[in-house]
Amino acid sequence: MPSVPPLPGDEPTASGAAGPPPIPDPGPLDAPPSDDASGESYDPGAALSNASRAMRHSTESSKTYPCEACGGELHFDIPTQLLKCQHCGNTHELVEVNGEVRERDLREALALVRAGTMTKTANFLDAEKEIVCQNCGGHTTFTGSLTANKCPYCATPIQRDDVHDAPERLPVDAVLPFSVDRKSADELIDKWINGRWFAPSEFKTYNRTGSFQSVYMAYFTYDADTHTNYTGQRGITRTRTVGSGDNRRTETYTTWHFVSGAVGNSFDDIPILANTGFEKKRIDKLEPWPTEQAKPYSAEYAAGHLARTYDNDVEVCLKEATSIMEDDIRSTIRRDIGGDQQRISSMNVNWQKMTYKHMLLPLWLLTVIYDGRPFQVYINGVTGEVHGARPYSKVKIAIAIVVALVIIAAIAIAVSASGGGG
């Protein structure tokens, strides 16, 4: 396993690879971007701001998005990319943070995490939080890293203000908005499930037995420039004739030559899922994510959708990111070595510029409980890529086996009869 970039005094990696230069004396992280594009904070319990449609509720540490025309609920409408009232159809432009998506210094964040300024797991993620809906008075329970939900009684979008804005949490830098809407997601799920012939019939009635939700998942993306010195061997494959007479034959052999060199690699937006409780290998297959389309973070994108903050912090996720980068560096070294075969004896990686972003990426999530077990199917909320797990019907498999045996027996009888007639 690769090591994360060390702080001053950390030991070198076991492979001899040098870690990045010591991190600078860290200052405080920039404040999380405000929902108000003007940078002004909301007055507790204030009515709608001119710059944002959000209404903050100080007693509940939450905010909602009421429609100023009818008092209904505003949701982020995927087809129009606007805030849209679910009752009167009134639409509003989103208030996006001005400027481009920002990249943050990774070493500075690591220093804050390791110093304890940024907690690995905030206390509020370990307990349930019950919020009273300010629209209907119903109670909504937030558990774990869930930060945006809908009232189960009136569907009012509710967001927790004490999570993404918490001083001990790394702020969200960007969001990749949904572009696959519910109708398209339904069609993609139907096509995927109907292509699974041996799935139980009950599984195919997911719209009655399962949960199908749009959710923004927490990711950290990493950028790095690296310069790597290496040593190794280049293998050249040759053939030669050996032996004589009946023992004369051709054999293949490899000659190895010492090589050394240096390669450079640049990495941009290596995405690492920061949430737990999912089949990560399947979610990873949803890549690539078009992160170049990301927008500066605004909580309005999550209105009417579920959203989660990170379970694993920027340092935990960095381990996986550096593993991916080092695999790519090895591939670059092999290409640089050339020849027919390559051996890498040592690689000394100099990690230069290193930055990260905390992003919310869109996912359609289907969860179906079958035979007491949960099965999940995932849709990339931008590209429409689908991956997931499904159960197998023992009855359908048994029928298929019987049909196959009948067909084989019929063919055998036909062949036997044809042979006897000849």
Protein backbone atom coordinates (compact mmCIF):
# COMPACT_ATOMS: atom_id res chain seq x y z
CA MET A 1 0.00 0.00 0.00
CA PRO A 2 1.36 3.44 -0.87
CA SER A 3 1.92 5.96 1.86
CA VAL A 4 0.25 9.33 1.99
CA PRO A 5 2.38 12.48 1.65
CA PRO A 6 4.34 12.69 4.90
CA LEU A 7 4.59 15.51 7.35
CA PRO A 8 8.09 16.62 8.38
CA GLY A 9 9.79 13.82 10.30
CA ASP A 10 7.77 11.00 8.70
CA GLU A 11 9.81 8.00 7.61
CA PRO A 12 10.38 7.31 3.88
CA THR A 13 8.19 4.72 2.22
CA ALA A 14 9.25 1.08 2.31
CA SER A 15 9.85 1.11 -1.45
CA GLY A 16 12.34 3.92 -1.08
CA ALA A 17 10.06 6.39 -2.83
CA ALA A 18 10.52 9.91 -1.51
CA GLY A 19 7.40 11.61 -0.25
CA PRO A 20 6.38 15.11 -1.18
CA PRO A 21 8.26 18.11 0.22
CA PRO A 22 7.32 19.06 3.80
CA ILE A 23 4.01 20.84 3.98
CA PRO A 24 4.07 24.57 4.71
CA ASP A 25 2.97 26.05 7.98
CA PRO A 26 -0.78 25.80 7.53
CA GLY A 27 -3.12 28.68 8.09
CA PRO A 28 -6.85 28.28 8.56
CA LEU A 29 -8.80 26.91 5.66
CA ASP A 30 -10.87 29.37 3.72
CA ALA A 31 -14.38 29.71 5.03
CA PRO A 32 -17.01 27.56 3.32
CA PRO A 33 -18.69 29.37 0.44
CA SER A 34 -21.86 31.11 1.45
CA ASP A 35 -25.19 30.29 -0.16
CA ASP A 36 -25.57 34.01 -0.62
CA ALA A 37 -23.55 35.15 -3.63
CA SER A 38 -22.97 38.50 -1.92
CA GLY A 39 -21.10 36.73 0.89
CA GLU A 40 -23.49 38.03 3.56
CA SER A 41 -24.89 35.60 6.08
CA TYR A 42 -28.57 35.02 6.63
CA ASP A 43 -30.38 36.36 9.62
CA PRO A 44 -31.73 33.44 11.68
CA GLY A 45 -35.30 32.70 10.72
CA ALA A 46 -35.30 35.48 8.13
CA ALA A 47 -37.65 35.42 5.18
CA LEU A 48 -36.44 34.82 1.65
CA SER A 49 -33.27 36.66 0.73
CA ASN A 50 -33.06 38.59 -2.52
CA ALA A 51 -29.97 36.57 -3.44
CA SER A 52 -31.18 33.11 -2.46
CA ARG A 53 -34.44 31.19 -2.26
CA ALA A 54 -33.39 29.46 0.96
CA MET A 55 -35.16 30.09 4.24
CA ARG A 56 -33.09 29.33 7.32
CA HIS A 57 -34.69 27.96 10.48
CA SER A 58 -32.43 28.70 13.41
CA THR A 59 -34.34 26.52 15.86
CA GLU A 60 -33.77 23.47 13.66
CA SER A 61 -30.36 24.43 12.19
CA SER A 62 -31.88 23.76 8.79
CA LYS A 63 -33.13 25.49 5.67
CA THR A 64 -35.94 24.94 3.17
CA TYR A 65 -36.86 26.42 -0.19
CA PRO A 66 -40.42 27.81 -0.18
CA CYS A 67 -41.93 29.22 -3.36
CA GLU A 68 -42.59 32.94 -3.03
CA ALA A 69 -45.55 32.63 -5.43
CA CYS A 70 -47.61 29.96 -3.67
CA GLY A 71 -45.66 28.81 -0.62
CA GLY A 72 -45.01 25.38 -2.11
CA GLU A 73 -41.65 23.65 -2.26
CA LEU A 74 -38.87 24.47 -4.68
CA HIS A 75 -36.84 21.55 -6.01
CA PHE A 76 -33.83 21.52 -8.28
CA ASP A 77 -35.48 20.54 -11.55
CA ILE A 78 -33.10 18.43 -13.61
CA PRO A 79 -34.54 19.02 -17.13
CA THR A 80 -34.55 22.82 -16.77
CA GLN A 81 -31.59 23.11 -14.33
CA LEU A 82 -33.72 25.61 -12.37
CA LEU A 83 -35.44 25.73 -9.00
CA LYS A 84 -39.03 24.76 -9.75
CA CYS A 85 -42.11 24.75 -7.56
CA GLN A 86 -43.75 21.35 -7.36
CA HIS A 87 -47.20 22.93 -7.01
CA CYS A 88 -47.51 25.98 -9.26
CA GLY A 89 -44.60 25.33 -11.64
CA ASN A 90 -42.97 28.68 -10.87
CA THR A 91 -39.22 28.63 -11.69
CA HIS A 92 -36.23 30.56 -10.40
CA GLU A 93 -32.62 30.81 -11.47
CA LEU A 94 -30.11 29.20 -9.11
CA VAL A 95 -27.78 31.47 -7.21
CA GLU A 96 -24.37 30.03 -8.04
CA VAL A 97 -21.13 30.99 -6.36
CA ASN A 98 -19.26 33.44 -8.58
CA GLY A 99 -16.01 32.39 -10.21
CA GLU A 100 -14.54 29.02 -11.09
CA VAL A 101 -14.34 25.82 -9.09
CA ARG A 102 -11.46 26.17 -6.65
CA GLU A 103 -8.69 23.69 -5.98
CA ARG A 104 -7.28 23.61 -2.47
CA ASP A 105 -3.78 22.88 -1.24
CA LEU A 106 -3.65 19.23 -0.16
CA ARG A 107 -0.73 19.58 2.25
CA GLU A 108 -2.53 22.35 4.10
CA ALA A 109 -5.62 20.17 4.51
CA LEU A 110 -3.52 17.21 5.69
CA ALA A 111 -1.86 19.41 8.30
CA LEU A 112 -5.25 20.50 9.65
CA VAL A 113 -6.56 16.93 9.74
CA ARG A 114 -3.45 15.57 11.45
CA ALA A 115 -3.42 18.43 13.94
CA GLY A 116 -7.02 17.64 14.89
CA THR A 117 -8.38 20.94 13.57
CA MET A 118 -10.46 18.96 11.11
CA THR A 119 -12.08 15.93 12.71
CA LYS A 120 -11.97 12.62 10.91
CA THR A 121 -15.52 11.83 11.99
CA ALA A 122 -17.61 14.60 13.46
CA ASN A 123 -19.67 13.74 16.53
CA PHE A 124 -22.91 14.72 14.83
CA LEU A 125 -22.47 11.88 12.30
CA ASP A 126 -22.69 9.30 15.07
CA ALA A 127 -26.11 10.36 16.33
CA GLU A 128 -29.57 10.83 14.89
CA LYS A 129 -30.90 14.34 14.45
CA GLU A 130 -34.63 14.92 14.35
CA ILE A 131 -35.82 18.05 12.53
CA VAL A 132 -39.33 19.45 12.64
CA CYS A 133 -40.60 20.36 9.17
CA GLN A 134 -41.45 24.07 9.19
CA ASN A 135 -44.06 23.48 6.47
CA CYS A 136 -46.26 20.75 7.94
CA GLY A 137 -44.86 20.08 11.43
CA GLY A 138 -43.83 16.50 10.58
CA HIS A 139 -40.63 15.04 11.98
CA THR A 140 -37.72 14.06 9.72
CA THR A 141 -34.80 12.03 11.07
CA PHE A 142 -31.29 12.56 9.72
CA THR A 143 -28.84 9.73 10.34
CA GLY A 144 -25.16 9.27 9.58
CA SER A 145 -23.72 11.49 6.86
CA LEU A 146 -27.09 12.41 5.33
CA THR A 147 -27.31 16.20 4.96
CA ALA A 148 -30.27 16.78 2.63
CA ASN A 149 -33.58 14.95 2.75
CA LYS A 150 -37.29 15.40 2.08
CA CYS A 151 -40.06 15.54 4.65
CA PRO A 152 -41.81 12.14 4.52
CA TYR A 153 -45.19 13.84 4.96
CA CYS A 154 -45.18 16.82 2.58
CA ALA A 155 -41.99 16.26 0.52
CA THR A 156 -40.53 19.63 1.55
CA PRO A 157 -36.76 19.63 0.85
CA ILE A 158 -34.86 20.02 4.14
CA GLN A 159 -31.12 20.60 4.49
CA ARG A 160 -28.98 20.50 7.62
CA ASP A 161 -26.97 23.68 8.13
CA ASP A 162 -24.74 22.20 10.83
CA VAL A 163 -22.89 19.79 8.54
CA HIS A 164 -21.42 21.30 5.37
CA ASP A 165 -20.92 24.59 7.19
CA ALA A 166 -19.44 23.03 10.35
CA PRO A 167 -16.02 24.56 11.14
CA GLU A 168 -14.46 21.16 11.79
CA ARG A 169 -15.42 19.84 8.35
CA LEU A 170 -13.76 20.54 5.01
CA PRO A 171 -16.15 22.70 2.97
CA VAL A 172 -17.72 21.55 -0.29
CA ASP A 173 -15.93 23.12 -3.23
CA ALA A 174 -17.99 21.95 -6.19
CA VAL A 175 -21.08 20.08 -7.31
CA LEU A 176 -21.71 18.18 -10.54
CA PRO A 177 -25.44 18.75 -11.17
CA PHE A 178 -27.78 15.96 -12.24
CA SER A 179 -28.53 15.82 -15.96
CA VAL A 180 -30.27 12.41 -15.99
CA ASP A 181 -33.84 13.09 -14.81
CA ARG A 182 -36.24 10.67 -13.12
CA LYS A 183 -37.95 9.59 -16.36
CA SER A 184 -34.63 8.76 -18.01
CA ALA A 185 -33.40 7.01 -14.86
CA ASP A 186 -36.55 4.84 -14.80
CA GLU A 187 -35.95 3.84 -18.42
CA LEU A 188 -32.31 3.00 -17.75
CA ILE A 189 -33.21 0.87 -14.71
CA ASP A 190 -35.98 -0.96 -16.60
CA LYS A 191 -33.61 -1.75 -19.47
CA TRP A 192 -30.91 -2.96 -17.08
CA ILE A 193 -33.24 -5.16 -15.02
CA ASN A 194 -35.08 -6.62 -18.03
CA GLY A 195 -31.73 -7.68 -19.45
CA ARG A 196 -31.13 -9.88 -16.39
CA TRP A 197 -33.04 -12.99 -17.42
CA PHE A 198 -32.46 -14.91 -14.21
CA ALA A 199 -33.50 -12.08 -11.88
CA PRO A 200 -36.56 -12.98 -9.79
CA SER A 201 -39.87 -11.51 -10.93
CA GLU A 202 -40.20 -9.82 -7.55
CA PHE A 203 -36.96 -7.93 -8.19
CA LYS A 204 -38.40 -6.53 -11.41
CA THR A 205 -41.23 -4.88 -9.45
CA TYR A 206 -38.70 -2.54 -7.83
CA ASN A 207 -41.05 0.42 -8.29
CA ARG A 208 -43.33 -1.19 -5.68
CA THR A 209 -40.84 -3.02 -3.49
CA GLY A 210 -37.69 -0.88 -3.60
CA SER A 211 -36.36 2.59 -2.96
CA PHE A 212 -35.21 4.66 -5.95
CA GLN A 213 -33.61 7.97 -4.98
CA SER A 214 -31.48 10.73 -6.43
CA VAL A 215 -28.54 11.41 -4.14
CA TYR A 216 -25.40 13.55 -4.19
CA MET A 217 -22.47 11.48 -2.96
CA ALA A 218 -19.36 12.97 -1.36
CA TYR A 219 -16.10 12.59 -3.28
CA PHE A 220 -12.58 13.92 -2.97
CA THR A 221 -10.77 14.51 -6.24
CA TYR A 222 -6.98 14.79 -6.35
CA ASP A 223 -4.51 16.52 -8.66
CA ALA A 224 -0.74 16.04 -8.65
CA ASP A 225 2.38 16.64 -10.69
CA THR A 226 5.09 14.03 -10.16
CA HIS A 227 8.70 13.51 -11.24
CA THR A 228 9.99 9.96 -10.83
CA ASN A 229 13.55 8.63 -11.08
CA TYR A 230 13.70 4.90 -11.66
CA THR A 231 16.03 1.97 -12.23
CA GLY A 232 15.12 -1.29 -13.86
CA GLN A 233 15.83 -3.78 -16.64
CA ARG A 234 14.83 -3.96 -20.28
CA GLY A 235 14.15 -7.47 -21.59
CA ILE A 236 14.77 -8.31 -25.25
CA THR A 237 13.22 -11.56 -26.43
CA ARG A 238 15.20 -13.58 -28.95
CA THR A 239 15.10 -17.04 -30.49
CA ARG A 240 17.91 -19.48 -31.18
CA THR A 241 18.35 -22.98 -32.51
CA VAL A 242 19.83 -25.54 -30.17
CA GLY A 243 20.60 -29.23 -30.34
CA SER A 244 21.17 -31.36 -33.40
CA GLY A 245 19.58 -34.16 -35.31
CA ASP A 246 16.27 -35.26 -33.87
CA ASN A 247 16.89 -32.99 -30.85
CA ARG A 248 17.27 -29.84 -32.98
CA ARG A 249 14.76 -27.25 -31.81
CA THR A 250 14.10 -23.52 -31.50
CA GLU A 251 13.87 -21.92 -28.08
CA THR A 252 13.00 -18.45 -26.88
CA TYR A 253 15.14 -16.57 -24.36
CA THR A 254 15.33 -13.07 -22.91
CA THR A 255 18.40 -10.91 -22.43
CA TRP A 256 18.17 -8.28 -19.69
CA HIS A 257 19.89 -4.89 -19.74
CA PHE A 258 20.17 -2.40 -16.88
CA VAL A 259 18.32 0.89 -17.47
CA SER A 260 17.62 4.05 -15.52
CA GLY A 261 15.68 7.17 -16.31
CA ALA A 262 13.11 9.71 -15.24
CA VAL A 263 9.45 10.24 -16.14
CA GLY A 264 6.91 12.92 -15.37
CA ASN A 265 3.19 12.43 -14.76
CA SER A 266 0.32 14.86 -14.32
CA PHE A 267 -2.92 13.77 -12.65
CA ASP A 268 -6.20 15.67 -12.76
CA ASP A 269 -9.36 14.96 -10.77
CA ILE A 270 -8.71 11.40 -9.58
CA PRO A 271 -12.13 10.73 -7.95
CA ILE A 272 -12.37 8.80 -4.69
CA LEU A 273 -15.74 8.00 -3.08
CA ALA A 274 -15.76 9.34 0.48
CA ASN A 275 -18.94 7.55 1.61
CA THR A 276 -19.29 4.10 3.13
CA GLY A 277 -22.05 1.51 2.93
CA PHE A 278 -21.92 0.94 -0.83
CA GLU A 279 -20.43 -1.60 -3.23
CA LYS A 280 -17.51 0.59 -4.14
CA LYS A 281 -16.22 -1.62 -6.95
CA ARG A 282 -19.53 -1.23 -8.76
CA ILE A 283 -19.71 2.51 -8.15
CA ASP A 284 -16.15 2.86 -9.47
CA LYS A 285 -17.37 1.36 -12.76
CA LEU A 286 -19.59 4.43 -13.21
CA GLU A 287 -16.45 6.43 -14.09
CA PRO A 288 -15.41 8.56 -15.80
CA TRP A 289 -17.17 11.48 -14.17
CA PRO A 290 -17.21 14.64 -16.33
CA THR A 291 -15.81 16.76 -13.49
CA GLU A 292 -14.92 19.52 -15.94
CA GLN A 293 -18.66 20.32 -15.94
CA ALA A 294 -18.73 20.87 -12.16
CA LYS A 295 -20.12 24.12 -10.75
CA PRO A 296 -19.06 26.09 -7.67
CA TYR A 297 -21.00 24.63 -4.77
CA SER A 298 -24.46 25.92 -4.05
CA ALA A 299 -26.81 24.04 -1.73
CA GLU A 300 -29.67 24.82 -4.13
CA TYR A 301 -28.52 21.99 -6.41
CA ALA A 302 -29.48 19.54 -3.65
CA ALA A 303 -32.97 20.98 -3.07
CA GLY A 304 -35.39 18.06 -3.37
CA HIS A 305 -32.62 15.46 -3.57
CA LEU A 306 -30.70 13.50 -0.96
CA ALA A 307 -27.12 14.53 -0.18
CA ARG A 308 -24.35 13.17 2.01
CA THR A 309 -21.24 14.60 3.57
CA TYR A 310 -18.05 12.55 3.69
CA ASP A 311 -17.55 9.53 5.96
CA ASN A 312 -13.84 9.17 5.09
CA ASP A 313 -11.72 12.31 5.25
CA VAL A 314 -9.25 13.71 2.74
CA GLU A 315 -6.32 11.77 4.23
CA VAL A 316 -8.08 8.38 4.23
CA CYS A 317 -9.16 8.80 0.61
CA LEU A 318 -5.67 9.96 -0.40
CA LYS A 319 -4.32 6.44 0.18
CA GLU A 320 -6.47 5.08 -2.64
CA ALA A 321 -5.69 8.06 -4.87
CA THR A 322 -1.93 7.65 -4.51
CA SER A 323 -2.29 3.92 -5.25
CA ILE A 324 -4.04 4.76 -8.53
CA MET A 325 -1.39 7.35 -9.37
CA GLU A 326 1.50 5.00 -8.61
CA ASP A 327 -0.01 2.33 -10.87
CA ASP A 328 -0.10 4.89 -13.67
CA ILE A 329 3.49 5.94 -12.92
CA ARG A 330 4.59 2.29 -13.23
CA SER A 331 2.87 2.05 -16.62
CA THR A 332 4.68 5.19 -17.75
CA ILE A 333 8.01 3.75 -16.59
CA ARG A 334 7.42 0.49 -18.48
CA ARG A 335 6.71 2.45 -21.66
CA ASP A 336 9.88 4.46 -21.08
CA ILE A 337 11.97 1.33 -20.54
CA GLY A 338 10.71 -0.20 -23.78
CA GLY A 339 11.80 -3.57 -25.07
CA ASP A 340 9.73 -6.73 -24.93
CA GLN A 341 9.62 -7.07 -21.14
CA GLN A 342 10.31 -4.69 -18.28
CA ARG A 343 11.37 -4.96 -14.68
CA ILE A 344 11.17 -2.02 -12.28
CA SER A 345 13.77 -2.23 -9.52
CA SER A 346 13.14 1.13 -7.84
CA MET A 347 11.07 4.26 -8.31
CA ASN A 348 11.68 7.47 -6.41
CA VAL A 349 8.55 9.60 -6.70
CA ASN A 350 8.83 13.32 -6.09
CA TRP A 351 5.29 14.55 -5.39
CA GLN A 352 5.21 18.15 -6.50
CA LYS A 353 2.06 20.28 -6.81
CA MET A 354 -0.78 18.52 -4.96
CA THR A 355 -4.34 19.84 -4.73
CA TYR A 356 -7.79 18.46 -3.98
CA LYS A 357 -11.48 19.31 -4.18
CA HIS A 358 -14.39 18.19 -2.02
CA MET A 359 -17.16 17.51 -4.55
CA LEU A 360 -20.74 16.26 -4.61
CA LEU A 361 -21.39 13.89 -7.54
CA PRO A 362 -24.89 12.78 -8.64
CA LEU A 363 -26.10 9.21 -8.36
CA TRP A 364 -29.43 7.48 -8.87
CA LEU A 365 -29.61 4.71 -6.28
CA LEU A 366 -31.98 1.74 -6.38
CA THR A 367 -32.13 -0.44 -3.26
CA VAL A 368 -34.27 -3.59 -3.24
CA ILE A 369 -34.53 -6.02 -0.33
CA TYR A 370 -34.88 -9.58 -1.62
CA ASP A 371 -34.77 -12.69 0.53
CA GLY A 372 -33.62 -10.56 3.45
CA ARG A 373 -30.63 -9.11 1.58
CA PRO A 374 -30.21 -5.62 0.08
CA PHE A 375 -29.31 -5.31 -3.61
CA GLN A 376 -28.25 -1.97 -5.06
CA VAL A 377 -28.14 -0.63 -8.61
CA TYR A 378 -26.33 2.64 -9.39
CA ILE A 379 -26.74 5.13 -12.24
CA ASN A 380 -24.25 7.87 -13.02
CA GLY A 381 -26.47 10.97 -12.78
CA VAL A 382 -24.68 12.63 -15.72
CA THR A 383 -23.60 9.92 -18.18
CA GLY A 384 -26.35 7.36 -17.49
CA GLU A 385 -23.86 4.50 -16.94
CA VAL A 386 -25.54 1.66 -14.96
CA HIS A 387 -23.93 -0.95 -12.71
CA GLY A 388 -25.30 -2.97 -9.85
CA ALA A 389 -26.12 -6.29 -8.26
CA ARG A 390 -29.18 -8.42 -8.60
CA PRO A 391 -30.36 -11.72 -7.08
CA TYR A 392 -30.81 -14.94 -9.03
CA SER A 393 -34.09 -16.84 -9.20
CA LYS A 394 -33.56 -20.48 -8.25
CA VAL A 395 -36.83 -21.39 -9.95
CA LYS A 396 -35.81 -19.76 -13.26
CA ILE A 397 -32.38 -21.38 -13.14
CA ALA A 398 -33.95 -24.82 -12.45
CA ILE A 399 -36.39 -24.37 -15.35
CA ALA A 400 -33.54 -23.33 -17.65
CA ILE A 401 -31.55 -26.43 -16.68
CA VAL A 402 -34.54 -28.72 -17.32
CA VAL A 403 -35.19 -27.08 -20.71
CA ALA A 404 -31.52 -27.44 -21.65
CA LEU A 405 -31.52 -31.13 -20.68
CA VAL A 406 -34.68 -31.74 -22.71
CA ILE A 407 -33.12 -30.07 -25.75
CA ILE A 408 -29.90 -32.07 -25.38
CA ALA A 409 -31.88 -35.29 -25.00
CA ALA A 410 -33.99 -34.47 -28.08
CA ILE A 411 -30.86 -33.79 -30.15
CA ALA A 412 -29.28 -37.04 -28.96
CA ILE A 413 -32.40 -39.04 -29.89
CA ALA A 414 -32.54 -37.35 -33.30
CA VAL A 415 -28.90 -38.08 -34.00
CA SER A 416 -29.29 -41.67 -32.83
CA ALA A 417 -32.36 -42.19 -34.99
CA SER A 418 -30.65 -40.68 -38.00
CA GLY A 419 -27.67 -42.94 -37.51
CA GLY A 420 -29.82 -46.06 -37.14
CA GLY A 421 -31.79 -45.23 -40.31
CA GLY A 422 -28.52 -44.97 -42.27
